[in-house]
N, C-alpha and C. Protein backbone atom coordinates (compact mmCIF):
# COMPACT_ATOMS: atom_id res chain seq x y z
N UNK A 1 0.84 -1.17 0.00
CA UNK A 1 0.00 0.00 0.00
C UNK A 1 0.89 1.25 0.00
N UNK A 2 0.72 2.18 -0.96
CA UNK A 2 1.57 3.36 -1.00
C UNK A 2 1.27 4.31 0.15
N UNK A 3 2.32 5.01 0.57
CA UNK A 3 2.16 5.97 1.66
C UNK A 3 1.39 7.19 1.16
N UNK A 4 0.59 7.75 2.04
CA UNK A 4 -0.15 8.97 1.75
C UNK A 4 0.78 10.16 1.84
N UNK A 5 0.55 11.18 1.06
CA UNK A 5 1.32 12.41 1.16
C UNK A 5 0.54 13.45 1.96
N UNK A 6 -0.67 13.10 2.41
CA UNK A 6 -1.52 14.00 3.16
C UNK A 6 -0.91 14.31 4.53
N UNK A 7 -0.83 15.57 4.84
CA UNK A 7 -0.33 16.01 6.14
C UNK A 7 -1.53 16.55 6.91
N UNK A 8 -1.70 16.05 8.14
CA UNK A 8 -2.76 16.56 9.01
C UNK A 8 -2.11 17.35 10.14
N UNK A 9 -2.86 18.32 10.65
CA UNK A 9 -2.36 19.14 11.75
C UNK A 9 -3.38 19.14 12.88
N UNK A 10 -2.85 19.11 14.10
CA UNK A 10 -3.72 19.07 15.27
C UNK A 10 -2.98 19.57 16.50
N UNK A 11 -3.74 19.78 17.56
CA UNK A 11 -3.12 20.11 18.85
C UNK A 11 -2.43 18.85 19.37
N UNK A 12 -1.28 19.00 19.99
CA UNK A 12 -0.57 17.83 20.52
C UNK A 12 -1.21 17.29 21.79
N UNK A 13 -0.85 16.04 22.10
CA UNK A 13 -1.27 15.38 23.34
C UNK A 13 -0.02 14.83 24.03
N UNK A 14 -0.15 14.53 25.30
CA UNK A 14 0.99 14.02 26.07
C UNK A 14 1.61 12.79 25.42
N UNK A 15 0.80 11.93 24.83
CA UNK A 15 1.33 10.73 24.18
C UNK A 15 2.23 11.02 23.00
N UNK A 16 2.23 12.26 22.52
CA UNK A 16 3.09 12.66 21.40
C UNK A 16 4.47 13.10 21.86
N UNK A 17 4.65 13.29 23.17
CA UNK A 17 5.86 13.92 23.70
C UNK A 17 7.16 13.31 23.25
N UNK A 18 7.33 12.01 23.36
CA UNK A 18 8.60 11.37 23.02
C UNK A 18 8.91 11.52 21.53
N UNK A 19 7.90 11.37 20.68
CA UNK A 19 8.12 11.51 19.23
C UNK A 19 8.47 12.95 18.87
N UNK A 20 7.85 13.91 19.54
CA UNK A 20 8.17 15.32 19.29
C UNK A 20 9.59 15.62 19.75
N UNK A 21 9.97 15.12 20.91
CA UNK A 21 11.34 15.33 21.41
C UNK A 21 12.36 14.77 20.40
N UNK A 22 12.06 13.62 19.82
CA UNK A 22 12.95 13.02 18.81
C UNK A 22 13.00 13.89 17.55
N UNK A 23 11.85 14.41 17.12
CA UNK A 23 11.81 15.29 15.95
C UNK A 23 12.68 16.53 16.19
N UNK A 24 12.58 17.13 17.36
CA UNK A 24 13.39 18.30 17.70
C UNK A 24 14.88 17.93 17.70
N UNK A 25 15.22 16.79 18.29
CA UNK A 25 16.63 16.36 18.33
C UNK A 25 17.20 16.15 16.93
N UNK A 26 16.33 15.79 15.99
CA UNK A 26 16.77 15.55 14.61
C UNK A 26 16.64 16.80 13.74
N UNK A 27 16.46 17.96 14.36
CA UNK A 27 16.25 19.20 13.62
C UNK A 27 17.22 20.30 14.05
N UNK A 28 18.51 20.08 13.84
CA UNK A 28 19.45 21.14 14.19
C UNK A 28 19.17 22.37 13.31
N UNK A 29 19.38 23.55 13.80
CA UNK A 29 20.12 23.94 14.99
C UNK A 29 19.25 24.14 16.23
N UNK A 30 18.07 23.51 16.28
CA UNK A 30 17.20 23.71 17.44
C UNK A 30 17.87 23.22 18.72
N UNK A 31 17.62 23.96 19.81
CA UNK A 31 18.07 23.51 21.12
C UNK A 31 17.25 22.29 21.51
N UNK A 32 17.90 21.28 22.01
CA UNK A 32 17.22 20.06 22.45
C UNK A 32 16.73 20.27 23.87
N UNK A 33 15.44 20.11 24.06
CA UNK A 33 14.84 20.23 25.38
C UNK A 33 14.61 18.84 25.95
N UNK A 34 14.38 18.78 27.25
CA UNK A 34 14.06 17.49 27.85
C UNK A 34 12.69 17.02 27.37
N UNK A 35 12.48 15.73 27.39
CA UNK A 35 11.17 15.19 27.04
C UNK A 35 10.12 15.74 28.01
N UNK A 36 10.50 15.95 29.26
CA UNK A 36 9.59 16.52 30.24
C UNK A 36 9.12 17.91 29.79
N UNK A 37 10.03 18.72 29.30
CA UNK A 37 9.67 20.05 28.80
C UNK A 37 8.66 19.92 27.65
N UNK A 38 8.92 19.00 26.75
CA UNK A 38 7.99 18.78 25.62
C UNK A 38 6.64 18.31 26.14
N UNK A 39 6.64 17.45 27.15
CA UNK A 39 5.37 16.99 27.73
C UNK A 39 4.57 18.16 28.31
N UNK A 40 5.26 19.09 28.95
CA UNK A 40 4.56 20.28 29.46
C UNK A 40 3.97 21.09 28.30
N UNK A 41 4.71 21.20 27.22
CA UNK A 41 4.19 21.92 26.06
C UNK A 41 2.96 21.23 25.48
N UNK A 42 2.99 19.90 25.42
CA UNK A 42 1.87 19.17 24.82
C UNK A 42 0.63 19.13 25.71
N UNK A 43 0.80 19.48 26.98
CA UNK A 43 -0.36 19.49 27.88
C UNK A 43 -0.73 20.91 28.28
N UNK A 44 0.15 21.62 28.94
CA UNK A 44 -0.16 22.97 29.42
C UNK A 44 -0.36 23.96 28.28
N UNK A 45 0.34 23.77 27.17
CA UNK A 45 0.30 24.73 26.06
C UNK A 45 -0.21 24.11 24.76
N UNK A 46 -1.01 23.08 24.83
CA UNK A 46 -1.47 22.41 23.61
C UNK A 46 -2.27 23.35 22.70
N UNK A 47 -2.97 24.32 23.27
CA UNK A 47 -3.77 25.26 22.46
C UNK A 47 -2.89 26.20 21.65
N UNK A 48 -1.62 26.33 22.03
CA UNK A 48 -0.72 27.24 21.32
C UNK A 48 0.44 26.50 20.65
N UNK A 49 0.27 25.19 20.49
CA UNK A 49 1.24 24.36 19.78
C UNK A 49 0.51 23.60 18.68
N UNK A 50 1.25 23.15 17.68
CA UNK A 50 0.63 22.38 16.60
C UNK A 50 1.57 21.25 16.18
N UNK A 51 0.99 20.11 15.91
CA UNK A 51 1.72 18.94 15.46
C UNK A 51 1.23 18.57 14.06
N UNK A 52 2.15 18.40 13.13
CA UNK A 52 1.82 17.94 11.78
C UNK A 52 2.23 16.49 11.65
N UNK A 53 1.34 15.67 11.09
CA UNK A 53 1.61 14.24 10.93
C UNK A 53 1.38 13.82 9.49
N UNK A 54 2.16 12.84 9.07
CA UNK A 54 1.99 12.22 7.76
C UNK A 54 2.08 10.72 7.98
N UNK A 55 1.07 10.04 7.57
CA UNK A 55 1.02 8.59 7.76
C UNK A 55 1.21 8.20 9.22
N UNK A 56 0.64 9.02 10.13
CA UNK A 56 0.70 8.74 11.55
C UNK A 56 2.01 9.08 12.23
N UNK A 57 2.96 9.66 11.49
CA UNK A 57 4.26 10.02 12.07
C UNK A 57 4.41 11.53 12.11
N UNK A 58 4.98 12.06 13.21
CA UNK A 58 5.20 13.51 13.28
C UNK A 58 6.20 13.96 12.22
N UNK A 59 5.81 14.99 11.46
CA UNK A 59 6.72 15.57 10.47
C UNK A 59 6.90 17.06 10.70
N UNK A 60 6.15 17.63 11.65
CA UNK A 60 6.30 19.05 11.94
C UNK A 60 5.79 19.39 13.32
N UNK A 61 6.37 20.43 13.89
CA UNK A 61 6.03 20.83 15.25
C UNK A 61 6.27 22.33 15.40
N UNK A 62 5.31 23.01 15.96
CA UNK A 62 5.49 24.40 16.36
C UNK A 62 5.07 24.48 17.82
N UNK A 63 5.99 24.95 18.67
CA UNK A 63 5.63 25.16 20.07
C UNK A 63 5.54 26.66 20.30
N UNK A 64 4.56 27.04 21.07
CA UNK A 64 4.37 28.45 21.38
C UNK A 64 3.57 28.61 22.66
N UNK A 65 3.50 29.85 23.11
CA UNK A 65 2.72 30.16 24.30
C UNK A 65 2.37 31.64 24.29
N UNK A 66 1.43 32.00 25.13
CA UNK A 66 1.03 33.39 25.31
C UNK A 66 1.82 33.92 26.52
N UNK A 67 2.72 34.89 26.31
CA UNK A 67 3.48 35.42 27.45
C UNK A 67 2.54 36.12 28.44
N UNK A 68 2.70 35.87 29.73
CA UNK A 68 1.80 36.48 30.73
C UNK A 68 1.77 38.00 30.67
N UNK A 69 2.87 38.63 30.30
CA UNK A 69 2.90 40.10 30.25
C UNK A 69 2.51 40.65 28.88
N UNK A 70 2.24 39.75 27.92
CA UNK A 70 1.84 40.16 26.57
C UNK A 70 0.70 39.26 26.09
N UNK A 71 -0.48 39.37 26.71
CA UNK A 71 -1.56 38.43 26.42
C UNK A 71 -2.14 38.54 25.01
N UNK A 72 -1.72 39.54 24.24
CA UNK A 72 -2.18 39.67 22.87
C UNK A 72 -1.15 39.14 21.86
N UNK A 73 -0.10 38.48 22.37
CA UNK A 73 0.97 37.96 21.52
C UNK A 73 1.08 36.45 21.65
N UNK A 74 1.48 35.84 20.55
CA UNK A 74 1.87 34.43 20.56
C UNK A 74 3.38 34.40 20.41
N UNK A 75 4.07 33.81 21.37
CA UNK A 75 5.52 33.63 21.26
C UNK A 75 5.77 32.23 20.70
N UNK A 76 6.39 32.16 19.55
CA UNK A 76 6.74 30.87 18.94
C UNK A 76 8.12 30.49 19.42
N UNK A 77 8.18 29.38 20.14
CA UNK A 77 9.42 28.93 20.75
C UNK A 77 10.26 28.14 19.75
N UNK A 78 9.67 27.11 19.17
CA UNK A 78 10.42 26.28 18.23
C UNK A 78 9.55 25.88 17.05
N UNK A 79 10.20 25.73 15.91
CA UNK A 79 9.57 25.20 14.70
C UNK A 79 10.50 24.09 14.21
N UNK A 80 9.97 22.90 14.10
CA UNK A 80 10.76 21.76 13.63
C UNK A 80 10.02 21.08 12.47
N UNK A 81 10.77 20.73 11.44
CA UNK A 81 10.21 20.00 10.30
C UNK A 81 11.14 18.83 10.01
N UNK A 82 10.56 17.65 9.93
CA UNK A 82 11.35 16.45 9.63
C UNK A 82 11.99 16.58 8.25
N UNK A 83 13.13 15.95 8.09
CA UNK A 83 13.87 16.03 6.84
C UNK A 83 13.00 15.67 5.63
N UNK A 84 12.14 14.67 5.77
CA UNK A 84 11.31 14.24 4.64
C UNK A 84 10.29 15.29 4.22
N UNK A 85 10.00 16.25 5.07
CA UNK A 85 8.99 17.27 4.75
C UNK A 85 9.60 18.65 4.51
N UNK A 86 10.92 18.77 4.59
CA UNK A 86 11.55 20.08 4.39
C UNK A 86 11.43 20.51 2.93
N UNK A 87 11.27 21.81 2.74
CA UNK A 87 11.15 22.35 1.40
C UNK A 87 9.74 22.28 0.83
N UNK A 88 8.78 21.88 1.64
CA UNK A 88 7.39 21.75 1.16
C UNK A 88 6.49 22.89 1.61
N UNK A 89 7.03 23.82 2.38
CA UNK A 89 6.21 24.91 2.91
C UNK A 89 5.45 24.53 4.17
N UNK A 90 5.76 23.38 4.74
CA UNK A 90 5.03 22.91 5.91
C UNK A 90 5.14 23.87 7.09
N UNK A 91 6.32 24.40 7.35
CA UNK A 91 6.49 25.30 8.50
C UNK A 91 5.55 26.49 8.40
N UNK A 92 5.47 27.09 7.23
CA UNK A 92 4.57 28.23 7.03
C UNK A 92 3.10 27.84 7.19
N UNK A 93 2.74 26.67 6.67
CA UNK A 93 1.35 26.20 6.81
C UNK A 93 0.99 25.95 8.27
N UNK A 94 1.97 25.42 9.04
CA UNK A 94 1.70 25.21 10.47
C UNK A 94 1.49 26.53 11.18
N UNK A 95 2.33 27.53 10.90
CA UNK A 95 2.14 28.85 11.53
C UNK A 95 0.79 29.43 11.16
N UNK A 96 0.43 29.35 9.88
CA UNK A 96 -0.86 29.87 9.43
C UNK A 96 -2.01 29.18 10.15
N UNK A 97 -1.95 27.85 10.25
CA UNK A 97 -3.02 27.10 10.91
C UNK A 97 -3.08 27.43 12.39
N UNK A 98 -1.94 27.61 13.01
CA UNK A 98 -1.91 27.91 14.44
C UNK A 98 -2.56 29.25 14.73
N UNK A 99 -2.18 30.31 14.02
CA UNK A 99 -2.75 31.63 14.32
C UNK A 99 -4.20 31.75 13.86
N UNK A 100 -4.67 30.82 13.03
CA UNK A 100 -6.06 30.84 12.60
C UNK A 100 -7.00 30.14 13.58
N UNK A 101 -6.49 29.56 14.64
CA UNK A 101 -7.34 28.89 15.62
C UNK A 101 -8.25 29.89 16.32
N UNK A 102 -9.51 29.53 16.53
CA UNK A 102 -10.44 30.44 17.22
C UNK A 102 -9.93 30.90 18.58
N UNK A 103 -9.24 30.03 19.31
CA UNK A 103 -8.74 30.38 20.64
C UNK A 103 -7.69 31.48 20.60
N UNK A 104 -7.09 31.71 19.43
CA UNK A 104 -6.04 32.72 19.31
C UNK A 104 -6.51 33.94 18.52
N UNK A 105 -7.81 34.08 18.35
CA UNK A 105 -8.37 35.14 17.51
C UNK A 105 -8.03 36.55 17.98
N UNK A 106 -7.72 36.77 19.24
CA UNK A 106 -7.44 38.11 19.73
C UNK A 106 -5.99 38.56 19.60
N UNK A 107 -5.15 37.75 18.98
CA UNK A 107 -3.74 38.10 18.87
C UNK A 107 -3.52 39.34 18.01
N UNK A 108 -2.58 40.16 18.42
CA UNK A 108 -2.17 41.31 17.60
C UNK A 108 -0.70 41.21 17.19
N UNK A 109 0.03 40.23 17.74
CA UNK A 109 1.44 40.09 17.38
C UNK A 109 1.89 38.64 17.50
N UNK A 110 2.83 38.29 16.64
CA UNK A 110 3.53 37.01 16.73
C UNK A 110 4.98 37.35 17.02
N UNK A 111 5.57 36.68 18.00
CA UNK A 111 6.95 36.95 18.43
C UNK A 111 7.75 35.65 18.40
N UNK A 112 9.04 35.81 18.18
CA UNK A 112 9.95 34.67 18.27
C UNK A 112 11.35 35.22 18.48
N UNK A 113 12.30 34.36 18.74
CA UNK A 113 13.71 34.76 18.73
C UNK A 113 14.44 33.86 17.77
N UNK A 114 15.44 34.46 17.09
CA UNK A 114 16.19 33.74 16.07
C UNK A 114 17.65 34.18 16.15
N UNK A 115 18.57 33.24 16.04
CA UNK A 115 19.99 33.60 15.97
C UNK A 115 20.30 34.08 14.56
N UNK A 116 21.35 34.89 14.43
CA UNK A 116 21.71 35.49 13.14
C UNK A 116 21.99 34.45 12.06
N UNK A 117 22.55 33.31 12.45
CA UNK A 117 22.93 32.31 11.44
C UNK A 117 21.79 31.38 11.02
N UNK A 118 20.63 31.49 11.62
CA UNK A 118 19.52 30.61 11.29
C UNK A 118 18.70 31.20 10.13
N UNK A 119 19.27 31.13 8.94
CA UNK A 119 18.65 31.73 7.75
C UNK A 119 17.28 31.15 7.44
N UNK A 120 17.08 29.87 7.67
CA UNK A 120 15.78 29.25 7.37
C UNK A 120 14.67 29.88 8.23
N UNK A 121 14.96 30.13 9.49
CA UNK A 121 13.95 30.75 10.36
C UNK A 121 13.69 32.20 9.96
N UNK A 122 14.74 32.93 9.60
CA UNK A 122 14.53 34.31 9.14
C UNK A 122 13.58 34.31 7.94
N UNK A 123 13.84 33.41 6.97
CA UNK A 123 12.98 33.35 5.78
C UNK A 123 11.54 32.98 6.14
N UNK A 124 11.39 32.01 7.05
CA UNK A 124 10.05 31.58 7.46
C UNK A 124 9.24 32.73 8.02
N UNK A 125 9.80 33.46 8.97
CA UNK A 125 9.04 34.52 9.63
C UNK A 125 8.89 35.76 8.76
N UNK A 126 9.86 36.05 7.91
CA UNK A 126 9.71 37.15 6.95
C UNK A 126 8.59 36.82 5.97
N UNK A 127 8.53 35.58 5.52
CA UNK A 127 7.47 35.14 4.60
C UNK A 127 6.10 35.22 5.28
N UNK A 128 6.03 34.80 6.53
CA UNK A 128 4.77 34.89 7.28
C UNK A 128 4.31 36.35 7.34
N UNK A 129 5.22 37.25 7.64
CA UNK A 129 4.88 38.68 7.74
C UNK A 129 4.37 39.20 6.40
N UNK A 130 5.00 38.81 5.30
CA UNK A 130 4.55 39.24 3.96
C UNK A 130 3.16 38.69 3.66
N UNK A 131 2.93 37.40 3.94
CA UNK A 131 1.64 36.78 3.64
C UNK A 131 0.49 37.45 4.37
N UNK A 132 0.77 37.89 5.59
CA UNK A 132 -0.29 38.41 6.43
C UNK A 132 -0.25 39.93 6.58
N UNK A 133 0.56 40.59 5.78
CA UNK A 133 0.61 42.05 5.80
C UNK A 133 1.07 42.61 7.12
N UNK A 134 1.83 41.85 7.85
CA UNK A 134 2.27 42.28 9.18
C UNK A 134 3.52 43.13 9.13
N UNK A 135 3.56 44.15 9.96
CA UNK A 135 4.77 44.93 10.12
C UNK A 135 5.72 44.15 11.01
N UNK A 136 7.00 44.19 10.67
CA UNK A 136 7.94 43.43 11.49
C UNK A 136 9.06 44.30 12.00
N UNK A 137 9.57 43.90 13.15
CA UNK A 137 10.73 44.56 13.73
C UNK A 137 11.62 43.48 14.32
N UNK A 138 12.89 43.82 14.47
CA UNK A 138 13.82 42.86 15.07
C UNK A 138 14.91 43.62 15.81
N UNK A 139 15.30 43.04 16.93
CA UNK A 139 16.35 43.65 17.75
C UNK A 139 16.91 42.56 18.67
N UNK A 140 18.17 42.71 19.11
CA UNK A 140 18.72 41.72 20.04
C UNK A 140 17.87 41.66 21.32
N UNK A 141 17.58 40.46 21.78
CA UNK A 141 16.84 40.29 23.02
C UNK A 141 17.74 39.66 24.09
N UNK A 142 18.33 38.52 23.75
CA UNK A 142 19.25 37.84 24.67
C UNK A 142 20.61 37.81 23.99
N UNK A 143 21.58 38.50 24.58
CA UNK A 143 22.88 38.66 23.93
C UNK A 143 23.88 37.59 24.37
N UNK A 144 24.73 37.24 23.43
CA UNK A 144 25.70 36.15 23.62
C UNK A 144 26.50 36.31 24.90
N UNK A 145 27.10 37.46 25.13
CA UNK A 145 27.94 37.63 26.31
C UNK A 145 27.14 38.01 27.55
N UNK A 146 26.22 38.92 27.42
CA UNK A 146 25.48 39.41 28.58
C UNK A 146 24.53 38.38 29.17
N UNK A 147 23.93 37.52 28.33
CA UNK A 147 22.92 36.58 28.81
C UNK A 147 23.33 35.11 28.74
N UNK A 148 24.19 34.77 27.80
CA UNK A 148 24.57 33.37 27.60
C UNK A 148 26.01 33.07 28.01
N UNK A 149 26.67 34.02 28.65
CA UNK A 149 28.07 33.85 29.07
C UNK A 149 28.95 33.35 27.93
N UNK A 150 28.64 33.81 26.72
CA UNK A 150 29.44 33.46 25.56
C UNK A 150 29.19 32.07 24.99
N UNK A 151 28.28 31.30 25.57
CA UNK A 151 28.07 29.91 25.16
C UNK A 151 26.95 29.70 24.14
N UNK A 152 26.28 30.77 23.73
CA UNK A 152 25.17 30.66 22.77
C UNK A 152 25.11 31.96 22.00
N UNK A 153 24.77 31.87 20.74
CA UNK A 153 24.68 33.07 19.90
C UNK A 153 23.54 33.97 20.37
N UNK A 154 23.68 35.25 20.08
CA UNK A 154 22.64 36.23 20.41
C UNK A 154 21.32 35.83 19.76
N UNK A 155 20.25 35.92 20.52
CA UNK A 155 18.89 35.67 20.03
C UNK A 155 18.25 37.02 19.74
N UNK A 156 17.85 37.21 18.48
CA UNK A 156 17.17 38.43 18.07
C UNK A 156 15.67 38.23 18.19
N UNK A 157 14.99 39.17 18.86
CA UNK A 157 13.53 39.09 18.93
C UNK A 157 12.97 39.62 17.62
N UNK A 158 12.10 38.84 17.05
CA UNK A 158 11.45 39.14 15.78
C UNK A 158 9.98 39.32 16.12
N UNK A 159 9.43 40.50 15.92
CA UNK A 159 8.03 40.78 16.26
C UNK A 159 7.28 41.12 14.98
N UNK A 160 6.18 40.42 14.76
CA UNK A 160 5.31 40.69 13.61
C UNK A 160 4.00 41.23 14.15
N UNK A 161 3.73 42.51 13.88
CA UNK A 161 2.45 43.10 14.25
C UNK A 161 1.44 42.62 13.21
N UNK A 162 0.42 41.92 13.68
CA UNK A 162 -0.54 41.31 12.77
C UNK A 162 -1.58 42.33 12.30
N UNK A 163 -1.55 42.63 11.02
CA UNK A 163 -2.48 43.60 10.44
C UNK A 163 -3.90 43.05 10.55
N UNK A 164 -4.75 43.76 11.27
CA UNK A 164 -6.12 43.29 11.46
C UNK A 164 -6.22 42.23 12.53
N UNK A 165 -5.10 41.89 13.15
CA UNK A 165 -5.10 40.90 14.22
C UNK A 165 -5.39 39.50 13.70
N UNK A 166 -5.36 38.56 14.60
CA UNK A 166 -5.61 37.17 14.24
C UNK A 166 -7.09 36.93 13.94
N UNK A 167 -7.98 37.85 14.36
CA UNK A 167 -9.40 37.70 14.02
C UNK A 167 -9.57 37.59 12.51
N UNK A 168 -8.86 38.45 11.77
CA UNK A 168 -8.94 38.44 10.31
C UNK A 168 -8.42 37.11 9.77
N UNK A 169 -7.32 36.61 10.32
CA UNK A 169 -6.75 35.36 9.84
C UNK A 169 -7.70 34.20 10.09
N UNK A 170 -8.38 34.22 11.25
CA UNK A 170 -9.33 33.16 11.56
C UNK A 170 -10.47 33.18 10.55
N UNK A 171 -11.00 34.35 10.26
CA UNK A 171 -12.11 34.47 9.30
C UNK A 171 -11.67 34.02 7.92
N UNK A 172 -10.47 34.44 7.50
CA UNK A 172 -9.98 34.04 6.19
C UNK A 172 -9.78 32.52 6.12
N UNK A 173 -9.29 31.94 7.20
CA UNK A 173 -9.11 30.49 7.26
C UNK A 173 -10.42 29.75 7.14
N UNK A 174 -11.47 30.25 7.80
CA UNK A 174 -12.79 29.62 7.71
C UNK A 174 -13.33 29.69 6.29
N UNK A 175 -13.10 30.81 5.61
CA UNK A 175 -13.60 30.96 4.25
C UNK A 175 -12.93 30.01 3.29
N UNK A 176 -11.70 29.60 3.56
CA UNK A 176 -10.98 28.67 2.68
C UNK A 176 -11.41 27.23 2.87
N UNK A 177 -12.06 26.93 3.99
CA UNK A 177 -12.43 25.54 4.28
C UNK A 177 -13.52 25.02 3.37
């Protein structure tokens, strides 16, 4: 029986934790988190995370959360795409699907941090901003020497102000269904 090329997306569950942790570990340059951390994401933050599957196997993951001091923002922590699905636009589709969720309709900004050398992430979030007409800004947030004691590259905060907010994206997503 041939494998399906259909990719489905859904909120993660605790039972997905180990497979997601493995996907992240196989997706350099992402920082590898403990499986326990991933389990917290799949339970406490399942409404702000998305898992993409193909033939029952995880091929994509976006973890995010709503910062307590910025309740109108979604902070995207990690985006991982399995090697077999890279170059297909899956990362962008996951971000689009995530911000189109009814539970996130009040968002006015999407935030993330990216190191200077992570060109794929820069392209992903710049493309997202273009697709959604969002204004973007970027500035150092966590600096290599001041915050990481020289052991990690500077993380630049990338902020996309969502034009019309996520309410518009949710409505547009419903119209495409």
